[in-house]
N, C-alpha and C. Protein backbone atom coordinates (compact mmCIF):
# COMPACT_ATOMS: atom_id res chain seq x y z
N MET A 1 -173.93 72.10 -95.89
CA MET A 1 -173.87 73.55 -95.89
C MET A 1 -175.03 74.16 -96.69
N SER A 2 -175.39 73.51 -97.81
CA SER A 2 -176.46 74.05 -98.64
C SER A 2 -177.81 73.97 -97.92
N TYR A 3 -178.02 72.93 -97.08
CA TYR A 3 -179.27 72.86 -96.33
C TYR A 3 -179.32 73.92 -95.24
N LEU A 4 -178.19 74.23 -94.65
CA LEU A 4 -178.15 75.29 -93.64
C LEU A 4 -178.51 76.63 -94.27
N LEU A 5 -177.98 76.90 -95.44
CA LEU A 5 -178.33 78.11 -96.16
C LEU A 5 -179.82 78.15 -96.47
N TYR A 6 -180.37 77.01 -96.87
CA TYR A 6 -181.80 76.90 -97.16
C TYR A 6 -182.63 77.24 -95.92
N VAL A 7 -182.26 76.68 -94.78
CA VAL A 7 -182.99 76.95 -93.54
C VAL A 7 -182.90 78.43 -93.17
N VAL A 8 -181.74 79.02 -93.32
CA VAL A 8 -181.55 80.44 -93.01
C VAL A 8 -182.41 81.31 -93.92
N VAL A 9 -182.43 80.98 -95.21
CA VAL A 9 -183.26 81.75 -96.16
C VAL A 9 -184.73 81.59 -95.81
N LYS A 10 -185.18 80.36 -95.54
CA LYS A 10 -186.58 80.13 -95.16
C LYS A 10 -186.93 80.93 -93.91
N LEU A 11 -186.06 80.87 -92.90
CA LEU A 11 -186.33 81.60 -91.67
C LEU A 11 -186.40 83.10 -91.90
N ALA A 12 -185.50 83.62 -92.70
CA ALA A 12 -185.51 85.06 -93.00
C ALA A 12 -186.79 85.46 -93.73
N CYS A 13 -187.19 84.66 -94.71
CA CYS A 13 -188.42 84.95 -95.46
C CYS A 13 -189.64 84.86 -94.56
N TYR A 14 -189.71 83.81 -93.76
CA TYR A 14 -190.86 83.65 -92.87
C TYR A 14 -190.91 84.75 -91.82
N THR A 15 -189.77 85.14 -91.30
CA THR A 15 -189.73 86.22 -90.31
C THR A 15 -190.19 87.53 -90.92
N ALA A 16 -189.74 87.82 -92.12
CA ALA A 16 -190.15 89.05 -92.80
C ALA A 16 -191.65 89.04 -93.06
N TRP A 17 -192.19 87.91 -93.49
CA TRP A 17 -193.63 87.84 -93.77
C TRP A 17 -194.44 87.93 -92.48
N CYS A 18 -193.94 87.33 -91.41
CA CYS A 18 -194.62 87.44 -90.11
C CYS A 18 -194.56 88.87 -89.59
N TRP A 19 -193.46 89.55 -89.86
CA TRP A 19 -193.36 90.95 -89.45
C TRP A 19 -194.44 91.77 -90.14
N LEU A 20 -194.69 91.48 -91.42
CA LEU A 20 -195.77 92.17 -92.13
C LEU A 20 -197.12 91.86 -91.49
N GLY A 21 -197.36 90.60 -91.18
CA GLY A 21 -198.61 90.22 -90.51
C GLY A 21 -198.76 90.90 -89.16
N LEU A 22 -197.69 90.96 -88.42
CA LEU A 22 -197.74 91.64 -87.13
C LEU A 22 -198.01 93.12 -87.31
N SER A 23 -197.43 93.73 -88.33
CA SER A 23 -197.67 95.17 -88.54
C SER A 23 -199.12 95.42 -88.95
N LEU A 24 -199.77 94.44 -89.55
CA LEU A 24 -201.18 94.58 -89.92
C LEU A 24 -202.10 94.42 -88.72
N TRP A 25 -201.82 93.42 -87.89
CA TRP A 25 -202.76 93.05 -86.84
C TRP A 25 -202.29 93.34 -85.42
N ARG A 26 -200.99 93.53 -85.22
CA ARG A 26 -200.46 93.84 -83.89
C ARG A 26 -199.32 94.84 -84.04
N PRO A 27 -199.65 96.08 -84.39
CA PRO A 27 -198.61 97.06 -84.73
C PRO A 27 -197.59 97.33 -83.62
N ASN A 28 -197.91 97.01 -82.38
CA ASN A 28 -196.97 97.27 -81.29
C ASN A 28 -195.94 96.17 -81.11
N ALA A 29 -196.11 95.06 -81.82
CA ALA A 29 -195.17 93.94 -81.69
C ALA A 29 -193.88 94.28 -82.43
N GLY A 30 -192.77 93.86 -81.88
CA GLY A 30 -191.48 94.18 -82.46
C GLY A 30 -190.89 93.04 -83.27
N PHE A 31 -189.62 93.22 -83.64
CA PHE A 31 -188.92 92.24 -84.45
C PHE A 31 -188.78 90.90 -83.73
N GLY A 32 -188.62 90.94 -82.41
CA GLY A 32 -188.48 89.69 -81.65
C GLY A 32 -189.69 88.79 -81.82
N LYS A 33 -190.87 89.39 -81.82
CA LYS A 33 -192.11 88.63 -82.05
C LYS A 33 -192.12 88.06 -83.46
N ALA A 34 -191.72 88.88 -84.43
CA ALA A 34 -191.68 88.42 -85.82
C ALA A 34 -190.74 87.23 -85.95
N LEU A 35 -189.58 87.31 -85.31
CA LEU A 35 -188.63 86.21 -85.34
C LEU A 35 -189.21 84.96 -84.69
N ALA A 36 -189.89 85.14 -83.56
CA ALA A 36 -190.52 84.00 -82.88
C ALA A 36 -191.58 83.34 -83.76
N PHE A 37 -192.40 84.15 -84.42
CA PHE A 37 -193.39 83.59 -85.33
C PHE A 37 -192.72 82.97 -86.56
N GLY A 38 -191.62 83.52 -87.02
CA GLY A 38 -190.88 82.93 -88.13
C GLY A 38 -190.33 81.56 -87.76
N VAL A 39 -189.79 81.44 -86.56
CA VAL A 39 -189.28 80.15 -86.07
C VAL A 39 -190.45 79.16 -85.93
N LEU A 40 -191.57 79.65 -85.41
CA LEU A 40 -192.75 78.80 -85.27
C LEU A 40 -193.22 78.31 -86.65
N ARG A 41 -193.26 79.22 -87.63
CA ARG A 41 -193.68 78.83 -88.98
C ARG A 41 -192.73 77.81 -89.58
N LEU A 42 -191.44 77.97 -89.34
CA LEU A 42 -190.45 77.01 -89.81
C LEU A 42 -190.70 75.65 -89.16
N GLY A 43 -190.98 75.66 -87.86
CA GLY A 43 -191.28 74.41 -87.14
C GLY A 43 -192.53 73.73 -87.65
N ILE A 44 -193.58 74.51 -87.90
CA ILE A 44 -194.82 73.95 -88.47
C ILE A 44 -194.51 73.32 -89.82
N GLY A 45 -193.68 73.99 -90.62
CA GLY A 45 -193.31 73.45 -91.93
C GLY A 45 -192.54 72.14 -91.83
N VAL A 46 -191.68 72.04 -90.84
CA VAL A 46 -190.93 70.79 -90.65
C VAL A 46 -191.88 69.66 -90.28
N VAL A 47 -192.83 69.94 -89.39
CA VAL A 47 -193.80 68.91 -88.99
C VAL A 47 -194.64 68.48 -90.18
N PHE A 48 -195.24 69.44 -90.89
CA PHE A 48 -196.08 69.09 -92.04
C PHE A 48 -195.25 68.42 -93.13
N GLY A 49 -194.03 68.91 -93.36
CA GLY A 49 -193.17 68.32 -94.38
C GLY A 49 -192.79 66.89 -94.04
N THR A 50 -192.56 66.62 -92.77
CA THR A 50 -192.24 65.26 -92.35
C THR A 50 -193.43 64.33 -92.56
N VAL A 51 -194.63 64.82 -92.24
CA VAL A 51 -195.84 64.02 -92.46
C VAL A 51 -196.01 63.72 -93.96
N ILE A 52 -195.79 64.72 -94.80
CA ILE A 52 -195.88 64.50 -96.25
C ILE A 52 -194.84 63.48 -96.70
N PHE A 53 -193.63 63.60 -96.18
CA PHE A 53 -192.56 62.67 -96.52
C PHE A 53 -192.93 61.24 -96.13
N LEU A 54 -193.46 61.08 -94.92
CA LEU A 54 -193.82 59.74 -94.45
C LEU A 54 -195.03 59.18 -95.20
N ALA A 55 -195.97 60.05 -95.57
CA ALA A 55 -197.19 59.60 -96.25
C ALA A 55 -196.96 59.35 -97.74
N ALA A 56 -196.22 60.23 -98.38
CA ALA A 56 -196.08 60.15 -99.84
C ALA A 56 -194.73 59.64 -100.29
N GLY A 57 -193.76 59.66 -99.41
CA GLY A 57 -192.41 59.31 -99.83
C GLY A 57 -191.85 60.42 -100.70
N THR A 58 -190.68 60.20 -101.21
CA THR A 58 -190.08 61.20 -102.08
C THR A 58 -190.51 60.93 -103.51
N GLN A 59 -191.11 61.92 -104.12
CA GLN A 59 -191.52 61.82 -105.53
C GLN A 59 -190.32 62.18 -106.39
N PRO A 60 -190.30 61.72 -107.63
CA PRO A 60 -189.20 62.11 -108.52
C PRO A 60 -189.14 63.63 -108.66
N GLU A 61 -187.94 64.15 -108.71
CA GLU A 61 -187.76 65.59 -108.84
C GLU A 61 -188.22 66.07 -110.20
N GLY A 62 -188.60 67.33 -110.26
CA GLY A 62 -188.98 67.94 -111.52
C GLY A 62 -190.46 67.88 -111.81
N LEU A 63 -191.26 67.31 -110.94
CA LEU A 63 -192.69 67.23 -111.16
C LEU A 63 -193.35 68.49 -110.59
N LEU A 64 -193.26 69.55 -111.34
CA LEU A 64 -193.73 70.86 -110.88
C LEU A 64 -195.19 70.84 -110.46
N TRP A 65 -196.05 70.20 -111.23
CA TRP A 65 -197.48 70.23 -110.91
C TRP A 65 -197.78 69.44 -109.64
N ASN A 66 -197.11 68.31 -109.42
CA ASN A 66 -197.29 67.58 -108.16
C ASN A 66 -196.83 68.44 -106.99
N TYR A 67 -195.71 69.07 -107.17
CA TYR A 67 -195.15 69.96 -106.14
C TYR A 67 -196.15 71.06 -105.77
N ILE A 68 -196.70 71.72 -106.76
CA ILE A 68 -197.66 72.80 -106.51
C ILE A 68 -198.95 72.25 -105.92
N ALA A 69 -199.46 71.14 -106.47
CA ALA A 69 -200.73 70.57 -106.02
C ALA A 69 -200.66 70.08 -104.58
N ILE A 70 -199.53 69.55 -104.18
CA ILE A 70 -199.39 69.03 -102.82
C ILE A 70 -199.12 70.16 -101.82
N TYR A 71 -198.20 71.04 -102.16
CA TYR A 71 -197.78 72.03 -101.17
C TYR A 71 -198.67 73.26 -101.05
N THR A 72 -199.42 73.61 -102.07
CA THR A 72 -200.27 74.80 -101.97
C THR A 72 -201.32 74.66 -100.85
N PRO A 73 -202.12 73.60 -100.82
CA PRO A 73 -203.10 73.51 -99.73
C PRO A 73 -202.46 73.34 -98.36
N VAL A 74 -201.35 72.61 -98.31
CA VAL A 74 -200.65 72.42 -97.03
C VAL A 74 -200.16 73.77 -96.51
N ARG A 75 -199.57 74.55 -97.40
CA ARG A 75 -199.05 75.85 -96.99
C ARG A 75 -200.18 76.82 -96.64
N LEU A 76 -201.32 76.69 -97.27
CA LEU A 76 -202.46 77.52 -96.90
C LEU A 76 -202.85 77.24 -95.46
N VAL A 77 -202.92 75.98 -95.10
CA VAL A 77 -203.24 75.60 -93.72
C VAL A 77 -202.18 76.13 -92.76
N GLU A 78 -200.91 75.97 -93.12
CA GLU A 78 -199.82 76.43 -92.25
C GLU A 78 -199.91 77.94 -92.01
N TRP A 79 -200.14 78.71 -93.06
CA TRP A 79 -200.20 80.16 -92.91
C TRP A 79 -201.47 80.59 -92.19
N PHE A 80 -202.57 79.86 -92.35
CA PHE A 80 -203.78 80.19 -91.60
C PHE A 80 -203.59 79.91 -90.11
N ILE A 81 -202.85 78.87 -89.78
CA ILE A 81 -202.53 78.62 -88.37
C ILE A 81 -201.79 79.82 -87.80
N LEU A 82 -200.80 80.30 -88.52
CA LEU A 82 -200.03 81.45 -88.06
C LEU A 82 -200.89 82.70 -87.99
N ALA A 83 -201.72 82.94 -89.00
CA ALA A 83 -202.60 84.11 -88.99
C ALA A 83 -203.52 84.05 -87.78
N TRP A 84 -204.04 82.88 -87.48
CA TRP A 84 -204.92 82.74 -86.32
C TRP A 84 -204.17 83.07 -85.03
N LEU A 85 -202.95 82.58 -84.92
CA LEU A 85 -202.15 82.85 -83.71
C LEU A 85 -201.81 84.34 -83.59
N ILE A 86 -201.43 84.95 -84.67
CA ILE A 86 -201.07 86.38 -84.64
C ILE A 86 -202.30 87.22 -84.34
N ARG A 87 -203.40 86.95 -85.00
CA ARG A 87 -204.62 87.74 -84.83
C ARG A 87 -205.27 87.49 -83.47
N ARG A 88 -205.12 86.28 -82.95
CA ARG A 88 -205.74 85.92 -81.67
C ARG A 88 -205.24 86.81 -80.54
N ALA A 89 -203.99 87.17 -80.59
CA ALA A 89 -203.39 87.97 -79.52
C ALA A 89 -203.49 89.47 -79.80
N ALA A 90 -204.19 89.86 -80.86
CA ALA A 90 -204.33 91.29 -81.17
C ALA A 90 -205.13 91.98 -80.07
N ASP A 91 -204.77 93.23 -79.79
CA ASP A 91 -205.41 93.97 -78.71
C ASP A 91 -206.85 94.38 -79.04
N THR A 92 -207.13 94.61 -80.29
CA THR A 92 -208.46 95.06 -80.69
C THR A 92 -209.03 94.10 -81.73
N LYS A 93 -210.28 94.33 -82.08
CA LYS A 93 -210.87 93.54 -83.16
C LYS A 93 -210.12 93.85 -84.44
N VAL A 94 -209.73 92.82 -85.13
CA VAL A 94 -208.94 92.98 -86.35
C VAL A 94 -209.89 92.95 -87.54
N PRO A 95 -210.02 94.08 -88.26
CA PRO A 95 -211.00 94.13 -89.34
C PRO A 95 -210.56 93.44 -90.64
N SER A 96 -209.28 93.38 -90.91
CA SER A 96 -208.84 92.87 -92.20
C SER A 96 -208.82 91.34 -92.21
N SER A 97 -209.12 90.78 -93.36
CA SER A 97 -209.15 89.34 -93.54
C SER A 97 -207.72 88.82 -93.71
N PRO A 98 -207.45 87.61 -93.21
CA PRO A 98 -206.10 87.05 -93.37
C PRO A 98 -205.87 86.38 -94.73
N TRP A 99 -206.88 86.32 -95.59
CA TRP A 99 -206.75 85.58 -96.85
C TRP A 99 -205.57 86.05 -97.69
N PHE A 100 -205.48 87.36 -97.94
CA PHE A 100 -204.41 87.84 -98.82
C PHE A 100 -203.04 87.64 -98.18
N TRP A 101 -202.96 87.80 -96.88
CA TRP A 101 -201.70 87.58 -96.19
C TRP A 101 -201.29 86.11 -96.30
N CYS A 102 -202.24 85.20 -96.14
CA CYS A 102 -201.95 83.77 -96.25
C CYS A 102 -201.56 83.40 -97.68
N LEU A 103 -202.25 83.94 -98.66
CA LEU A 103 -201.89 83.68 -100.05
C LEU A 103 -200.50 84.21 -100.36
N GLY A 104 -200.19 85.38 -99.84
CA GLY A 104 -198.83 85.92 -99.99
C GLY A 104 -197.80 85.03 -99.31
N GLY A 105 -198.16 84.47 -98.16
CA GLY A 105 -197.27 83.55 -97.46
C GLY A 105 -196.96 82.31 -98.29
N ILE A 106 -197.96 81.83 -99.03
CA ILE A 106 -197.74 80.68 -99.92
C ILE A 106 -196.70 81.05 -100.97
N VAL A 107 -196.84 82.23 -101.55
CA VAL A 107 -195.88 82.69 -102.56
C VAL A 107 -194.49 82.80 -101.94
N VAL A 108 -194.41 83.38 -100.74
CA VAL A 108 -193.13 83.51 -100.04
C VAL A 108 -192.51 82.13 -99.83
N SER A 109 -193.31 81.15 -99.44
CA SER A 109 -192.80 79.80 -99.22
C SER A 109 -192.23 79.19 -100.50
N PHE A 110 -192.98 79.36 -101.60
CA PHE A 110 -192.50 78.80 -102.86
C PHE A 110 -191.24 79.51 -103.34
N VAL A 111 -191.19 80.81 -103.20
CA VAL A 111 -190.00 81.55 -103.63
C VAL A 111 -188.79 81.15 -102.80
N ALA A 112 -188.99 80.97 -101.50
CA ALA A 112 -187.88 80.56 -100.62
C ALA A 112 -187.36 79.17 -100.98
N ASP A 113 -188.20 78.35 -101.60
CA ASP A 113 -187.75 77.01 -102.00
C ASP A 113 -186.67 77.04 -103.07
N PHE A 114 -186.54 78.15 -103.77
CA PHE A 114 -185.47 78.25 -104.75
C PHE A 114 -184.10 78.20 -104.08
N ALA A 115 -184.04 78.45 -102.78
CA ALA A 115 -182.77 78.37 -102.05
C ALA A 115 -182.43 76.95 -101.63
N SER A 116 -183.39 76.02 -101.80
CA SER A 116 -183.11 74.62 -101.43
C SER A 116 -182.09 74.03 -102.40
N PRO A 117 -181.39 73.00 -101.99
CA PRO A 117 -180.45 72.37 -102.92
C PRO A 117 -181.13 71.92 -104.22
N ALA A 118 -182.34 71.38 -104.12
CA ALA A 118 -183.07 70.97 -105.33
C ALA A 118 -183.46 72.20 -106.15
N GLY A 119 -183.92 73.25 -105.47
CA GLY A 119 -184.32 74.47 -106.17
C GLY A 119 -183.15 75.13 -106.89
N VAL A 120 -181.99 75.14 -106.26
CA VAL A 120 -180.79 75.71 -106.88
C VAL A 120 -180.45 74.93 -108.15
N ALA A 121 -180.72 73.62 -108.13
CA ALA A 121 -180.44 72.78 -109.30
C ALA A 121 -181.56 72.85 -110.33
N GLY A 122 -182.62 73.61 -110.03
CA GLY A 122 -183.72 73.76 -110.98
C GLY A 122 -184.76 72.67 -110.90
N HIS A 123 -184.84 71.97 -109.75
CA HIS A 123 -185.80 70.88 -109.56
C HIS A 123 -186.77 71.24 -108.45
N PHE A 124 -187.90 70.56 -108.45
CA PHE A 124 -188.90 70.71 -107.40
C PHE A 124 -189.19 69.32 -106.87
N CYS A 125 -188.95 69.12 -105.60
CA CYS A 125 -189.04 67.79 -105.03
C CYS A 125 -190.17 67.72 -104.01
N VAL A 126 -191.06 66.78 -104.17
CA VAL A 126 -192.10 66.52 -103.19
C VAL A 126 -191.55 65.50 -102.21
N GLY A 127 -191.68 65.79 -100.92
CA GLY A 127 -191.20 64.85 -99.92
C GLY A 127 -190.02 65.37 -99.13
N ARG A 128 -189.78 66.66 -99.19
CA ARG A 128 -188.74 67.26 -98.36
C ARG A 128 -189.30 67.40 -96.95
N CYS A 129 -188.46 67.66 -95.99
CA CYS A 129 -188.93 67.82 -94.63
C CYS A 129 -189.10 69.29 -94.22
N LEU A 130 -188.97 70.21 -95.14
CA LEU A 130 -189.27 71.62 -94.83
C LEU A 130 -190.37 72.07 -95.77
N CYS A 131 -191.49 72.39 -95.21
CA CYS A 131 -192.63 72.73 -96.06
C CYS A 131 -192.80 74.23 -96.14
């Protein structure tokens, strides 16, 4: 049950952040698009998280610096993939840079991790399957 809650929180956070990105670069897109991009972002996180799990294994919990060092660049790539997809379908040339949106997405991802079973217990675990 706690993992289901974690997935729901992640999806809600990702959908909200994608809605912000859509409002910046594709103002005519609605909530359905934001939800679709949120689901896509969750899926990308599962894929990247699985690769990290298979490559690094599960690290001992509580290693905050390992957690930040591993997931920050991975999440930057994940959010840039999403920014590219959202901006690619924009109707006009998009003048604003995706950097701040992607950096904000990293923060959103880390904050959403507090809903994970490890996060609720006050731990940070490298090697989960949701990135």
